[in-house]
Each structure stands twice: as C-alpha cells, then as structure tokens.
Protein backbone atom coordinates (compact mmCIF):
# COMPACT_ATOMS: atom_id res chain seq x y z
CA UNK A 1 97.56 74.21 133.54
CA UNK A 2 96.58 70.23 134.39
CA UNK A 3 98.46 69.41 130.92
CA UNK A 4 101.16 71.49 131.61
CA UNK A 5 104.40 70.16 133.13
CA UNK A 6 107.02 72.09 134.85
CA UNK A 7 110.33 70.36 134.93
CA UNK A 8 112.63 71.47 137.47
CA UNK A 9 116.57 70.01 137.24
CA UNK A 10 118.30 69.72 140.35
CA UNK A 11 116.94 69.30 144.01
CA UNK A 12 119.55 72.02 145.85
CA UNK A 13 118.60 74.88 147.47
CA UNK A 14 117.16 76.52 144.76
CA UNK A 15 115.31 73.81 143.19
CA UNK A 16 113.89 72.51 146.25
CA UNK A 17 112.02 75.39 147.20
CA UNK A 18 111.39 76.32 143.85
CA UNK A 19 109.27 72.40 143.85
CA UNK A 20 108.26 72.87 147.12
CA UNK A 21 106.50 76.73 146.46
CA UNK A 22 105.03 75.32 143.35
CA UNK A 23 103.36 71.98 144.79
CA UNK A 24 101.96 74.05 147.68
CA UNK A 25 100.52 76.96 145.63
CA UNK A 26 99.12 75.15 142.21
CA UNK A 27 98.08 71.80 144.41
CA UNK A 28 97.96 69.81 141.88
CA UNK A 29 96.95 72.05 139.04
CA UNK A 30 100.05 71.26 136.79
CA UNK A 31 102.36 68.46 136.42
CA UNK A 32 105.59 68.96 138.27
CA UNK A 33 108.84 67.01 137.82
CA UNK A 34 112.05 67.21 139.75
CA UNK A 35 115.01 65.73 138.16
CA UNK A 36 118.00 64.83 140.19
CA UNK A 37 120.74 62.26 140.26
CA UNK A 38 119.63 61.45 144.19
CA UNK A 39 116.44 61.16 146.08
CA UNK A 40 117.42 63.66 148.76
CA UNK A 41 117.95 67.30 149.12
CA UNK A 42 121.68 67.56 151.14
CA UNK A 43 121.57 70.50 153.40
CA UNK A 44 125.40 71.83 152.50
CA UNK A 45 126.25 74.06 155.32
CA UNK A 46 126.21 71.22 157.96
CA UNK A 47 128.21 68.62 155.87
CA UNK A 48 131.45 69.63 157.71
CA UNK A 49 130.05 68.08 160.81
CA UNK A 50 129.27 65.10 158.50
CA UNK A 51 133.10 64.61 157.91
CA UNK A 52 133.96 65.39 161.72
CA UNK A 53 131.77 62.61 162.69
CA UNK A 54 129.21 65.09 164.71
CA UNK A 55 126.40 63.90 162.18
CA UNK A 56 125.32 61.17 161.10
CA UNK A 57 124.58 61.33 156.91
CA UNK A 58 121.00 60.98 156.83
CA UNK A 59 120.51 63.89 158.91
CA UNK A 60 121.90 66.24 156.48
CA UNK A 61 119.67 64.23 153.46
CA UNK A 62 116.44 65.45 153.49
CA UNK A 63 114.28 62.71 151.70
CA UNK A 64 112.53 64.31 148.21
CA UNK A 65 109.50 61.90 148.34
CA UNK A 66 109.05 62.27 151.65
CA UNK A 67 109.02 66.00 151.87
CA UNK A 68 107.69 66.92 148.61
CA UNK A 69 104.61 64.38 147.79
CA UNK A 70 103.01 66.42 144.95
CA UNK A 71 106.08 66.40 143.04
CA UNK A 72 107.06 63.51 140.61
CA UNK A 73 110.81 62.60 141.53
CA UNK A 74 112.76 61.50 138.47
CA UNK A 75 116.03 59.90 138.82
CA UNK A 76 118.60 61.09 136.52
CA UNK A 77 121.34 63.42 135.39
CA UNK A 78 120.55 66.11 132.79
CA UNK A 79 123.34 66.51 130.03
CA UNK A 80 121.73 68.48 127.48
CA UNK A 81 118.61 70.79 127.16
CA UNK A 82 116.85 70.91 123.49
CA UNK A 83 115.50 74.85 123.69
CA UNK A 84 113.58 74.57 120.38
CA UNK A 85 112.19 70.94 120.79
CA UNK A 86 111.36 71.84 124.86
CA UNK A 87 113.07 68.80 126.24
CA UNK A 88 115.70 67.38 128.73
CA UNK A 89 117.57 64.60 127.88
CA UNK A 90 119.17 62.50 131.00
CA UNK A 91 120.84 59.42 131.86
CA UNK A 92 118.86 57.55 134.28
CA UNK A 93 120.69 55.25 137.39
CA UNK A 94 121.25 52.22 135.43
CA UNK A 95 122.45 54.17 132.30
CA UNK A 96 119.65 54.80 129.98
CA UNK A 97 119.28 57.58 128.22
CA UNK A 98 115.92 59.44 128.30
CA UNK A 99 114.10 62.05 127.49
CA UNK A 100 111.42 64.47 128.75
CA UNK A 101 109.25 67.16 127.20
CA UNK A 102 108.28 70.58 128.96
CA UNK A 103 106.12 73.14 128.93
CA UNK A 104 108.05 75.40 131.47
CA UNK A 105 111.38 74.55 132.54
CA UNK A 106 113.73 75.53 135.79
CA UNK A 107 117.56 75.10 135.58
CA UNK A 108 118.78 74.91 139.22
CA UNK A 109 121.85 72.16 138.17
CA UNK A 110 124.35 74.14 141.29
CA UNK A 111 127.94 74.15 141.24
CA UNK A 112 130.95 71.79 141.22
CA UNK A 113 134.23 72.18 142.52
CA UNK A 114 136.74 75.18 141.14
CA UNK A 115 139.87 73.45 139.49
CA UNK A 116 142.97 75.59 139.08
CA UNK A 117 145.91 75.00 136.80
CA UNK A 118 148.09 73.74 139.57
CA UNK A 119 150.32 70.35 138.48
CA UNK A 120 149.00 67.20 140.67
CA UNK A 121 146.00 69.35 142.10
CA UNK A 122 143.28 67.12 140.08
CA UNK A 123 144.80 63.82 140.87
CA UNK A 124 145.46 64.53 144.63
CA UNK A 125 143.50 66.84 145.97
CA UNK A 126 139.64 65.85 147.50
CA UNK A 127 136.98 68.09 147.32
CA UNK A 128 133.90 68.86 149.25
CA UNK A 129 130.92 69.68 147.66
CA UNK A 130 129.01 66.34 148.42
CA UNK A 131 127.96 63.86 150.32
CA UNK A 132 130.38 61.08 148.93
CA UNK A 133 133.28 63.30 149.20
CA UNK A 134 132.50 63.71 153.21
CA UNK A 135 131.67 60.49 153.75
CA UNK A 136 135.17 59.90 152.06
CA UNK A 137 137.03 62.44 154.45
CA UNK A 138 135.36 60.95 157.38
CA UNK A 139 137.12 57.64 156.59
CA UNK A 140 140.18 58.83 155.37
CA UNK A 141 140.83 60.95 158.56
CA UNK A 142 140.00 57.74 160.55
CA UNK A 143 142.39 55.89 158.72
CA UNK A 144 145.48 58.02 158.72
CA UNK A 145 145.47 58.58 162.64
CA UNK A 146 145.10 54.80 162.65
CA UNK A 147 147.62 54.18 160.22
CA UNK A 148 149.89 56.79 162.01
CA UNK A 149 149.81 55.04 165.37
CA UNK A 150 151.65 51.84 163.69
CA UNK A 151 153.99 53.60 161.76
CA UNK A 152 157.49 53.59 162.78
CA UNK A 153 159.15 56.32 160.22
CA UNK A 154 158.57 59.60 162.28
CA UNK A 155 158.54 61.64 159.08
CA UNK A 156 155.75 59.30 157.43
CA UNK A 157 153.99 59.32 160.36
CA UNK A 158 153.69 63.11 160.92
CA UNK A 159 152.89 62.90 157.14
CA UNK A 160 149.68 60.99 158.23
CA UNK A 161 148.90 63.16 161.10
CA UNK A 162 149.05 66.52 158.45
CA UNK A 163 145.89 67.91 156.71
CA UNK A 164 146.34 70.86 154.83
CA UNK A 165 142.88 72.76 153.75
CA UNK A 166 143.17 74.97 150.88
CA UNK A 167 140.66 77.71 150.59
CA UNK A 168 139.84 79.70 153.62
CA UNK A 169 136.05 80.54 152.57
CA UNK A 170 133.36 79.62 154.40
CA UNK A 171 133.39 75.79 153.84
CA UNK A 172 137.34 75.77 154.18
CA UNK A 173 137.19 77.42 157.62
CA UNK A 174 134.20 75.13 158.71
CA UNK A 175 136.30 71.72 157.55
CA UNK A 176 139.44 72.72 159.37
CA UNK A 177 137.78 74.12 162.32
CA UNK A 178 135.66 70.70 162.54
CA UNK A 179 138.45 68.57 161.50
CA UNK A 180 141.06 69.65 164.02
CA UNK A 181 138.55 68.48 166.82
CA UNK A 182 137.89 65.46 165.43
CA UNK A 183 141.56 64.64 164.90
CA UNK A 184 142.12 65.33 168.62
CA UNK A 185 139.80 63.16 169.67
CA UNK A 186 140.81 60.44 167.86
CA UNK A 187 144.37 60.92 168.61
CA UNK A 188 143.28 60.63 172.50
CA UNK A 189 141.68 57.48 171.74
CA UNK A 190 144.75 55.66 169.87
CA UNK A 191 146.77 57.21 172.93
CA UNK A 192 145.15 55.30 175.40
CA UNK A 193 145.60 51.89 173.86
CA UNK A 194 149.01 49.74 173.94
CA UNK A 195 151.83 51.65 171.59
CA UNK A 196 149.32 54.24 170.87
CA UNK A 197 150.05 57.20 168.82
CA UNK A 198 153.38 58.68 169.69
CA UNK A 199 153.56 62.25 171.40
CA UNK A 200 155.75 63.83 168.31
CA UNK A 201 152.93 62.76 166.15
CA UNK A 202 150.17 64.99 166.98
CA UNK A 203 147.44 65.94 164.39
CA UNK A 204 148.11 69.00 162.66
CA UNK A 205 145.81 71.03 159.89
CA UNK A 206 147.05 73.88 158.22
CA UNK A 207 144.71 76.11 156.49
CA UNK A 208 145.79 78.48 153.94
CA UNK A 209 144.55 80.88 151.28
CA UNK A 210 145.92 83.06 148.95
CA UNK A 211 143.83 86.35 150.20
CA UNK A 212 145.51 88.14 153.31
CA UNK A 213 142.57 86.82 155.86
CA UNK A 214 139.92 83.92 155.93
CA UNK A 215 136.69 84.25 155.10
CA UNK A 216 137.70 86.91 152.52
CA UNK A 217 134.22 87.40 151.13
CA UNK A 218 132.64 88.09 154.53
CA UNK A 219 132.47 90.70 157.02
CA UNK A 220 136.09 91.52 158.26
CA UNK A 221 134.70 91.40 162.06
CA UNK A 222 133.43 87.47 161.41
CA UNK A 223 137.33 86.69 160.03
CA UNK A 224 138.63 87.79 162.90
CA UNK A 225 136.69 86.05 165.09
CA UNK A 226 136.77 82.65 163.28
CA UNK A 227 141.08 83.30 162.99
CA UNK A 228 141.32 83.76 166.46
CA UNK A 229 139.52 80.59 167.27
CA UNK A 230 141.25 78.83 164.82
CA UNK A 231 144.62 80.01 166.06
CA UNK A 232 143.37 79.39 169.47
CA UNK A 233 142.46 75.48 168.38
CA UNK A 234 145.75 75.11 166.76
CA UNK A 235 145.22 75.29 163.35
CA UNK A 236 148.08 76.53 161.39
CA UNK A 237 146.68 79.75 159.68
CA UNK A 238 148.25 80.78 156.52
CA UNK A 239 147.10 83.40 154.78
CA UNK A 240 148.84 85.03 151.02
CA UNK A 241 149.77 81.56 150.27
CA UNK A 242 148.63 79.20 148.05
CA UNK A 243 149.65 75.66 146.56
CA UNK A 244 152.33 75.27 143.66
CA UNK A 245 152.38 71.62 143.07
CA UNK A 246 150.48 68.63 144.69
CA UNK A 247 152.45 65.19 144.67
CA UNK A 248 151.71 62.11 146.33
CA UNK A 249 154.14 62.78 149.05
CA UNK A 250 152.88 66.02 149.93
CA UNK A 251 152.33 70.01 148.78
CA UNK A 252 154.90 72.48 147.34
CA UNK A 253 153.94 75.88 148.40
CA UNK A 254 154.37 79.47 146.71
CA UNK A 255 156.39 80.24 149.58
CA UNK A 256 159.12 77.36 148.53
CA UNK A 257 158.32 74.96 151.63
CA UNK A 258 157.42 71.68 151.15
CA UNK A 259 154.85 70.08 153.63
CA UNK A 260 154.53 66.17 153.52
CA UNK A 261 150.95 65.15 153.86
CA UNK A 262 148.49 62.20 152.32
CA UNK A 263 145.66 64.79 152.70
CA UNK A 264 144.78 67.82 150.67
CA UNK A 265 141.12 69.08 150.67
CA UNK A 266 140.52 71.47 148.17
CA UNK A 267 138.13 74.15 149.22
CA UNK A 268 138.68 77.55 147.01
CA UNK A 269 135.80 77.81 145.69
CA UNK A 270 132.72 76.61 143.14
CA UNK A 271 131.93 76.65 139.24
CA UNK A 272 128.46 76.26 137.63
CA UNK A 273 127.54 73.06 136.36
CA UNK A 274 129.34 72.26 132.98
CA UNK A 275 125.37 71.41 131.62
CA UNK A 276 125.29 75.38 131.85
CA UNK A 277 128.19 75.76 129.31
CA UNK A 278 126.47 73.22 126.97
CA UNK A 279 123.69 75.40 126.60
CA UNK A 280 124.99 77.79 124.25
CA UNK A 281 123.31 80.88 126.01
CA UNK A 282 124.71 83.87 127.16
CA UNK A 283 127.05 83.40 130.26
CA UNK A 284 128.94 85.40 132.85
CA UNK A 285 131.74 83.91 134.37
CA UNK A 286 130.29 80.36 133.59
CA UNK A 287 126.71 81.43 135.12
CA UNK A 288 123.65 81.42 133.13
CA UNK A 289 122.70 85.15 132.55
CA UNK A 290 119.34 85.59 133.40
CA UNK A 291 116.96 88.97 133.67
CA UNK A 292 115.83 90.00 137.12
CA UNK A 293 112.74 87.77 137.12
CA UNK A 294 115.20 84.73 136.31
CA UNK A 295 114.18 84.29 133.07
CA UNK A 296 116.57 83.37 130.50
CA UNK A 297 116.31 86.29 127.89
CA UNK A 298 114.79 85.07 124.28
CA UNK A 299 113.04 82.12 126.28
CA UNK A 300 110.21 83.26 128.22
CA UNK A 301 109.24 79.36 129.31
CA UNK A 302 113.11 78.74 130.34
CA UNK A 303 114.14 80.01 134.30
CA UNK A 304 117.27 79.48 136.06
CA UNK A 305 118.41 80.35 139.74
CA UNK A 306 120.90 79.38 142.27
CA UNK A 307 124.66 79.13 141.82
CA UNK A 308 124.08 78.11 138.11
CA UNK A 309 122.18 81.40 137.23
CA UNK A 310 124.04 85.37 137.08
CA UNK A 311 121.10 86.95 138.64
CA UNK A 312 121.07 90.78 138.62
CA UNK A 313 121.57 92.02 142.10
CA UNK A 314 119.38 95.02 142.27
CA UNK A 315 120.64 96.12 145.62
CA UNK A 316 124.34 96.73 143.93
CA UNK A 317 123.47 97.83 140.43
CA UNK A 318 125.78 96.03 137.89
CA UNK A 319 126.73 93.30 139.99
CA UNK A 320 125.23 89.53 140.31
CA UNK A 321 124.17 87.96 143.10
CA UNK A 322 126.68 85.84 145.18
CA UNK A 323 127.00 82.07 144.81
CA UNK A 324 125.36 81.21 148.58
CA UNK A 325 122.90 79.12 149.95
CA UNK A 326 120.99 82.03 150.97
CA UNK A 327 120.29 83.43 147.85
CA UNK A 328 119.58 79.93 146.15
CA UNK A 329 116.87 79.79 148.65
CA UNK A 330 115.30 83.07 148.29
CA UNK A 331 115.53 82.66 144.38
CA UNK A 332 113.77 79.16 144.52
CA UNK A 333 110.60 80.77 145.55
CA UNK A 334 110.77 84.06 142.94
CA UNK A 335 111.53 81.46 140.29
CA UNK A 336 108.27 79.50 141.67
CA UNK A 337 106.01 82.55 141.70
CA UNK A 338 107.32 83.97 138.14
CA UNK A 339 106.58 80.40 136.59
CA UNK A 340 103.02 80.59 137.95
CA UNK A 341 102.90 84.05 136.56
CA UNK A 342 103.77 82.77 133.13
CA UNK A 343 100.40 81.00 133.73
CA UNK A 344 98.62 83.74 134.50
CA UNK A 345 98.13 83.24 138.50
CA UNK A 346 99.64 86.23 139.85
CA UNK A 347 101.73 88.81 138.80
CA UNK A 348 105.62 88.23 138.11
CA UNK A 349 107.97 90.23 140.46
CA UNK A 350 111.72 90.73 140.33
CA UNK A 351 114.16 89.09 142.52
CA UNK A 352 115.36 91.86 145.22
CA UNK A 353 116.99 90.48 148.65
CA UNK A 354 118.16 92.04 151.67
CA UNK A 355 121.09 90.64 153.67
CA UNK A 356 120.44 88.76 156.62
CA UNK A 357 124.05 88.33 157.64
CA UNK A 358 126.24 85.06 158.12
CA UNK A 359 127.19 82.28 160.36
CA UNK A 360 130.01 80.20 160.45
CA UNK A 361 129.91 77.09 162.79
CA UNK A 362 133.63 76.71 164.21
CA UNK A 363 132.94 73.40 166.32
CA UNK A 364 132.23 72.79 170.02
CA UNK A 365 130.62 76.05 171.17
CA UNK A 366 132.27 78.14 168.74
CA UNK A 367 130.97 80.16 165.95
CA UNK A 368 130.55 83.21 164.66
CA UNK A 369 127.69 85.02 163.28
CA UNK A 370 126.52 88.82 162.24
CA UNK A 371 122.59 88.50 162.17
CA UNK A 372 121.03 91.73 161.02
CA UNK A 373 124.45 93.32 161.08
CA UNK A 374 124.94 92.20 165.13
CA UNK A 375 128.54 90.91 165.81
CA UNK A 376 128.25 87.91 167.93
CA UNK A 377 130.82 84.97 168.92
CA UNK A 378 131.58 82.20 171.41
CA UNK A 379 128.24 80.14 172.69
CA UNK A 380 125.85 82.54 172.04
CA UNK A 381 126.79 82.67 168.48
CA UNK A 382 126.76 79.21 168.51
CA UNK A 383 123.21 79.05 169.71
CA UNK A 384 122.20 81.27 166.89
CA UNK A 385 124.13 79.51 164.31
CA UNK A 386 122.58 76.18 165.27
CA UNK A 387 118.94 77.92 165.63
CA UNK A 388 119.43 79.13 162.09
CA UNK A 389 120.48 75.67 160.68
CA UNK A 390 117.40 74.14 162.45
CA UNK A 391 115.09 76.55 160.82
CA UNK A 392 116.11 76.59 157.49
CA UNK A 393 116.43 72.66 157.11
CA UNK A 394 113.15 71.63 155.54
CA UNK A 395 113.31 68.09 157.81
CA UNK A 396 115.12 66.20 160.44
CA UNK A 397 115.22 68.65 162.71
CA UNK A 398 114.57 66.55 165.65
CA UNK A 399 117.17 63.83 164.51
CA UNK A 400 120.21 66.38 163.92
CA UNK A 401 119.29 67.90 167.33
CA UNK A 402 119.78 64.33 169.04
CA UNK A 403 123.14 63.92 167.21
CA UNK A 404 124.26 67.29 168.98
CA UNK A 405 123.12 66.28 171.95
CA UNK A 406 124.98 63.02 171.90
CA UNK A 407 128.43 64.76 170.73
CA UNK A 408 128.47 66.81 173.54
CA UNK A 409 128.26 64.34 176.00
CA UNK A 410 130.03 61.22 174.07
CA UNK A 411 133.50 60.73 172.29
CA UNK A 412 133.59 60.50 168.25
CA UNK A 413 132.99 57.21 166.72
CA UNK A 414 136.07 56.41 165.35
CA UNK A 415 135.05 54.01 162.52
CA UNK A 416 135.58 53.79 158.70
CA UNK A 417 133.88 51.56 156.51
CA UNK A 418 136.26 51.67 153.60
CA UNK A 419 133.15 51.83 150.79
CA UNK A 420 134.72 54.14 149.42
CA UNK A 421 138.19 54.96 147.39
CA UNK A 422 140.16 58.04 146.16
CA UNK A 423 138.76 57.32 142.74
CA UNK A 424 135.52 57.05 143.83
CA UNK A 425 135.76 60.96 144.76
CA UNK A 426 137.69 62.37 141.81
CA UNK A 427 138.09 66.25 141.99
CA UNK A 428 137.25 67.07 138.32
CA UNK A 429 133.62 65.80 138.12
CA UNK A 430 130.34 66.93 136.88
CA UNK A 431 128.57 64.87 139.75
CA UNK A 432 130.20 65.36 143.20
CA UNK A 433 126.89 64.47 144.41
CA UNK A 434 127.55 60.90 143.25
CA UNK A 435 130.39 58.76 143.85
CA UNK A 436 132.19 56.84 141.22
CA UNK A 437 131.65 53.12 141.46
CA UNK A 438 132.85 51.39 138.62
CA UNK A 439 136.38 51.43 137.27
CA UNK A 440 139.33 52.32 138.99
CA UNK A 441 142.34 54.32 139.06
CA UNK A 442 143.43 52.84 135.92
CA UNK A 443 139.91 54.08 134.04
CA UNK A 444 139.82 57.28 135.38
CA UNK A 445 141.87 60.09 134.65
CA UNK A 446 141.64 62.54 137.03
CA UNK A 447 141.74 59.73 140.18
CA UNK A 448 144.50 59.15 142.35
C-alpha cells in the first residue's frame, strides 16, 4: 500500500471524516490526498450564528492541516474525472490546470444552492451554503439597518428594514431566528444615537415556505416549537407561500402581494455539486448512484458519499438517505472502512444508520430538539443543541464556547467590512465556498 494513493475530493462532513478515519487507521501505509478549494472544514450548522454576529468566522472553520496531520492537502477545485485513466483534473488557486492520478477515489463534493425557474431570483437573491455568503449577509444586514437610520423616505426606510427568507427548512428557520435577534440588537444601538432609527422602521423578518409548516422535513413537534418561538420573537411566518418574481425593489408573492425589500435570502434547499453530472454515470435526482457499500457500480476503485451520493437507505427499502450532515459524517466513516477493505484490510460493510434525532438552534436560550425521540424545547433543548454541536465539531470547541459566553453578556458588534460585494456571492454558482474576487456585475451574468 505504500505506493497507493487515495484521493478524496471535497472536505465537507463526508470528506473530512473519510480522511480522518483513513489517516488514523492506515498510519501512513498509503498516501491520502484531500483536494479542496479551501484549507478548512466548515462546520455548516453553526453558520447562521456567523451571519448574526454571534460567532466569529474562524470559530466554525477548522484547519485541515492542523487537524489532519497525516493527510496531504491540495488546494484546488476538481472539475472532471477520468475514470478510465484513473485521474482527476483540477484548477488550483492561481488558475493553473493540474491533474492527479489515483488508486482509490472518494467523491464527497457536497452540494450547492438549489435554483428554481423564478424570474429575478438568480440576480437578486443570496444563498447560504458557504462562508462568503454568511459574511456578506452579516455585512449586508448591518449596512441596511444603518442606511435605514438616515433614510427620509418612509417606504424606502421600511424596505431596508425588511428581510425575506425563502425556505423554512433547517437552514432558513435558523437564519430567520438568529437574524431577527441580530437586527433587533442593531436597531436598539442605532436608536440611541442622535437622529437614530425611527420607531416606524422596526426590523421585519418574513419566513416563507410552499409547505404547510416550518421544518417540513422534520418531526411535527419540532416544527410546532420552532413556529411558536419564531412568532413570539416577531418573525412573520407564512406557509403555503412562494416567490413569483424577484426584482431590485422587492419580491412578488404567489398571493399577489408585493413586499418591498433589499434582502432576499434563498434557503429553499440544495442540489448536488455539478461535478456529479459531468461524470456521465447514472444518477438519482442529480445524486451519483452508489450501492450500500458506497461503491460506484462498475468502478470498484471509486466511492462516493454525502450530499453528492444517492445512498440506499437500508432502514427504508426503496428510498435514499437524506442530504444531512448527520448522514454525511457517518457515511464518511463507512467509506473509509470500505476503502481499506478494498485493500484487504478488514471487511467491507454496508451503510446502515439509526436516527439520533435533530436539533434546531433558535437563538438566545431557545431551541428545539428530539434526541433519541425525546421532545425538548427552551433552555434545556438549547443546552442539548449546543452540547451536540460541540461534540460534533472536530476542533475550536473552546473558542466557540468563549464566543457564546461573550454573546451572553455583551451586545452584538455592529461593524461592516465591505470586502464582499453582491456580485462576489452569486446564487448560481458551483463554488459557494469561494467568493468571486475578480470581475464585477458587468462580467457576471448571475450577479446582481
């Protein structure tokens, strides 16, 4: 095995766990290469707290080199795979095209923002799949509240204080819950100043979904808890509602109502990374078909897991596992063990899971959780939620705890750095983990 090279594409939950398990068990017996656009693993579930000013960006960004010492990190974005020649082609950060051969390949490229054919959405909405989008949103929220303070036109003032989140799933619910607390804090700070924010321009958050309840994919009791907390906090929750058109001045709903806003946050779901479609292999709703051992049929040297793979759900025959971090994390371990089994180390085993439940952070002391089927709400659920996240994070635990403690006793920092423009974080992108640094609106068809 000393001459074998195992290439892992993507450092999300599945890729990171695959690399970590292989490095610990192989102990240098093979070359493990992790190809990723960035040098960090992003703990995505805590990203809403970054956009709301609770956590600093580096708290949820775990160094790959610092936590995977026996793994070779290659910075680059893979754009094609030669299955016959057993090599991957990628573009490095300097724009140079490179190739790398492999003996075993694990595809864990994850997912990107899901798009719908709605006029204006690609141009005027911002997604929430990567650090650049979270940082842009944090700056954008602070800027809009500050601009509303100086605005004389009451309609423009209210539009800048209105934030619309489309998609009441896990991400959208947390973004709206944390966002409302953030803007309320900013409004109080601006109201104390001379000529501060007027009383008729209070921050307004609207969370909408085409489904008949929030968190449509999760337990109904979790949904009821989340709905109750959101409404009590002042979030306008609208079910059976969708966007018909997005414009520079606001959004037109399927109900016929037009909502003036400068902030459209798109959280309607995800789709597999476009690399999957470029492979020319069988897919299921855009996800690469694999067997229960996470092997790509017909290619015993290629494995896939996480959001990019359609993994059979052995607990629900005929269905595939959901695109969640919990599945990706576990599948990464199974993929690593089955890669080793392909070398004769141990025996391969199918991926089979047991549901541990879900946690939803609703900001402050509020949360909803159902660990092992036990329904929890309020501070107790918040304690369970934060404990789960700390246990699941591969690093930065003390730093995250420190930020949480500071947020409990200090007001949010209302600062904007202005390093990211709207065209830097287009909704229609295959790389939400990277900000567009070159060009501008005139050279980006999907930028606002």
